[in-house]
């Protein structure tokens, strides 16, 4: 992945999301200003993105282990396959492959 590694934080002074700390960060984005509540929610989501990406990759790996290791009933197995496919699609989108 070639995105700027986290952590991503909010720099109030710059009004920007930065990689690293506000004092030594690299600007990632200047979010549009919506309502204060919307802006805060967008900032929270964007700054969590690197952590969520890493967690989703770990989750995918564990999902595959569970599918290969355990005997699951048909419904549970299908639910897990659907989850794996959704996880793959989300990762592909984050990686610019879809």
C-alpha atoms as a PDB file:
ATOM      1  CA  UNK A   1       0.000   0.000   0.000  1.00  0.00           C
ATOM      2  CA  UNK A   2       1.311   3.431  -0.880  1.00  0.00           C
ATOM      3  CA  UNK A   3      -0.870   5.595   1.332  1.00  0.00           C
ATOM      4  CA  UNK A   4       0.733   7.798   3.953  1.00  0.00           C
ATOM      5  CA  UNK A   5       1.115   5.700   7.105  1.00  0.00           C
ATOM      6  CA  UNK A   6      -0.721   6.654  10.280  1.00  0.00           C
ATOM      7  CA  UNK A   7      -1.326   7.792  12.793  1.00  0.00           C
ATOM      8  CA  UNK A   8      -3.409  10.558  11.245  1.00  0.00           C
ATOM      9  CA  UNK A   9      -4.460  13.369  13.574  1.00  0.00           C
ATOM     10  CA  UNK A  10      -6.377  16.641  13.488  1.00  0.00           C
ATOM     11  CA  UNK A  11      -4.330  19.845  13.459  1.00  0.00           C
ATOM     12  CA  UNK A  12      -6.672  22.592  14.685  1.00  0.00           C
ATOM     13  CA  UNK A  13      -4.227  25.346  13.792  1.00  0.00           C
ATOM     14  CA  UNK A  14      -3.921  24.230  10.148  1.00  0.00           C
ATOM     15  CA  UNK A  15      -7.531  23.070   9.912  1.00  0.00           C
ATOM     16  CA  UNK A  16      -6.180  19.897   8.368  1.00  0.00           C
ATOM     17  CA  UNK A  17      -5.731  16.193   8.905  1.00  0.00           C
ATOM     18  CA  UNK A  18      -2.045  15.379   9.186  1.00  0.00           C
ATOM     19  CA  UNK A  19       0.044  12.232   9.238  1.00  0.00           C
ATOM     20  CA  UNK A  20       2.005  12.194  12.452  1.00  0.00           C
ATOM     21  CA  UNK A  21       1.609  14.911  15.050  1.00  0.00           C
ATOM     22  CA  UNK A  22       0.299  18.436  14.467  1.00  0.00           C
ATOM     23  CA  UNK A  23       3.802  19.762  15.209  1.00  0.00           C
ATOM     24  CA  UNK A  24       5.597  17.463  12.736  1.00  0.00           C
ATOM     25  CA  UNK A  25       2.824  16.212  10.473  1.00  0.00           C
ATOM     26  CA  UNK A  26       2.370  16.017   6.749  1.00  0.00           C
ATOM     27  CA  UNK A  27      -0.993  17.389   5.587  1.00  0.00           C
ATOM     28  CA  UNK A  28      -3.290  14.634   4.325  1.00  0.00           C
ATOM     29  CA  UNK A  29      -6.501  16.587   3.757  1.00  0.00           C
ATOM     30  CA  UNK A  30      -8.358  19.813   4.368  1.00  0.00           C
ATOM     31  CA  UNK A  31     -11.915  18.645   5.001  1.00  0.00           C
ATOM     32  CA  UNK A  32     -14.770  20.783   3.742  1.00  0.00           C
ATOM     33  CA  UNK A  33     -16.553  22.635   6.480  1.00  0.00           C
ATOM     34  CA  UNK A  34     -20.031  21.358   7.135  1.00  0.00           C
ATOM     35  CA  UNK A  35     -21.826  21.673  10.398  1.00  0.00           C
ATOM     36  CA  UNK A  36     -19.502  21.370  13.387  1.00  0.00           C
ATOM     37  CA  UNK A  37     -21.012  17.975  14.265  1.00  0.00           C
ATOM     38  CA  UNK A  38     -20.568  16.685  10.686  1.00  0.00           C
ATOM     39  CA  UNK A  39     -17.017  17.995  10.461  1.00  0.00           C
ATOM     40  CA  UNK A  40     -16.058  16.313  13.742  1.00  0.00           C
ATOM     41  CA  UNK A  41     -17.589  13.021  12.579  1.00  0.00           C
ATOM     42  CA  UNK A  42     -15.714  13.231   9.253  1.00  0.00           C
ATOM     43  CA  UNK A  43     -12.447  14.028  11.030  1.00  0.00           C
ATOM     44  CA  UNK A  44     -12.911  11.078  13.392  1.00  0.00           C
ATOM     45  CA  UNK A  45     -13.618   8.689  10.519  1.00  0.00           C
ATOM     46  CA  UNK A  46     -10.723   9.880   8.364  1.00  0.00           C
ATOM     47  CA  UNK A  47      -8.168   9.848  11.185  1.00  0.00           C
ATOM     48  CA  UNK A  48      -9.243   6.292  12.096  1.00  0.00           C
ATOM     49  CA  UNK A  49      -8.742   5.053   8.514  1.00  0.00           C
ATOM     50  CA  UNK A  50      -5.167   3.674   8.899  1.00  0.00           C
ATOM     51  CA  UNK A  51      -6.145   1.744  12.034  1.00  0.00           C
ATOM     52  CA  UNK A  52      -9.341   0.431  10.448  1.00  0.00           C
ATOM     53  CA  UNK A  53      -7.407  -0.690   7.362  1.00  0.00           C
ATOM     54  CA  UNK A  54      -4.907  -2.625   9.484  1.00  0.00           C
ATOM     55  CA  UNK A  55      -7.705  -4.180  11.560  1.00  0.00           C
ATOM     56  CA  UNK A  56      -9.611  -5.194   8.436  1.00  0.00           C
ATOM     57  CA  UNK A  57      -6.526  -6.928   7.012  1.00  0.00           C
ATOM     58  CA  UNK A  58      -6.057  -8.837  10.279  1.00  0.00           C
ATOM     59  CA  UNK A  59      -9.739  -9.717  10.315  1.00  0.00           C
ATOM     60  CA  UNK A  60      -9.537 -11.057   6.760  1.00  0.00           C
ATOM     61  CA  UNK A  61      -6.606 -13.260   7.678  1.00  0.00           C
ATOM     62  CA  UNK A  62      -8.464 -14.660  10.686  1.00  0.00           C
ATOM     63  CA  UNK A  63     -11.620 -15.203   8.625  1.00  0.00           C
ATOM     64  CA  UNK A  64      -9.663 -17.325   6.160  1.00  0.00           C
ATOM     65  CA  UNK A  65      -8.112 -19.369   8.977  1.00  0.00           C
ATOM     66  CA  UNK A  66     -11.540 -20.033  10.498  1.00  0.00           C
ATOM     67  CA  UNK A  67     -12.957 -21.052   7.108  1.00  0.00           C
ATOM     68  CA  UNK A  68     -10.063 -23.458   6.472  1.00  0.00           C
ATOM     69  CA  UNK A  69      -9.824 -24.859  10.008  1.00  0.00           C
ATOM     70  CA  UNK A  70     -13.306 -25.406  11.361  1.00  0.00           C
ATOM     71  CA  UNK A  71     -16.205 -27.524  10.175  1.00  0.00           C
ATOM     72  CA  UNK A  72     -19.069 -25.065   9.872  1.00  0.00           C
ATOM     73  CA  UNK A  73     -22.717 -25.717   9.153  1.00  0.00           C
ATOM     74  CA  UNK A  74     -23.893 -24.536   5.725  1.00  0.00           C
ATOM     75  CA  UNK A  75     -25.511 -21.309   6.903  1.00  0.00           C
ATOM     76  CA  UNK A  76     -22.557 -20.252   9.048  1.00  0.00           C
ATOM     77  CA  UNK A  77     -20.113 -21.203   6.305  1.00  0.00           C
ATOM     78  CA  UNK A  78     -22.027 -19.137   3.754  1.00  0.00           C
ATOM     79  CA  UNK A  79     -22.188 -16.176   6.129  1.00  0.00           C
ATOM     80  CA  UNK A  80     -18.432 -16.373   6.599  1.00  0.00           C
ATOM     81  CA  UNK A  81     -17.831 -16.602   2.843  1.00  0.00           C
ATOM     82  CA  UNK A  82     -20.040 -13.524   2.352  1.00  0.00           C
ATOM     83  CA  UNK A  83     -18.090 -11.686   5.066  1.00  0.00           C
ATOM     84  CA  UNK A  84     -14.782 -12.647   3.446  1.00  0.00           C
ATOM     85  CA  UNK A  85     -16.004 -11.354   0.084  1.00  0.00           C
ATOM     86  CA  UNK A  86     -17.191  -8.070   1.630  1.00  0.00           C
ATOM     87  CA  UNK A  87     -13.853  -7.714   3.410  1.00  0.00           C
ATOM     88  CA  UNK A  88     -11.921  -8.347   0.176  1.00  0.00           C
ATOM     89  CA  UNK A  89     -14.044  -5.764  -1.665  1.00  0.00           C
ATOM     90  CA  UNK A  90     -13.493  -3.148   1.047  1.00  0.00           C
ATOM     91  CA  UNK A  91      -9.732  -3.756   1.035  1.00  0.00           C
ATOM     92  CA  UNK A  92      -9.630  -3.599  -2.767  1.00  0.00           C
ATOM     93  CA  UNK A  93     -11.443  -0.261  -2.683  1.00  0.00           C
ATOM     94  CA  UNK A  94      -9.056   1.103  -0.046  1.00  0.00           C
ATOM     95  CA  UNK A  95      -6.095  -0.076  -2.142  1.00  0.00           C
ATOM     96  CA  UNK A  96      -7.443   1.497  -5.343  1.00  0.00           C
ATOM     97  CA  UNK A  97      -8.034  -1.865  -7.005  1.00  0.00           C
ATOM     98  CA  UNK A  98     -11.775  -1.357  -7.365  1.00  0.00           C
END
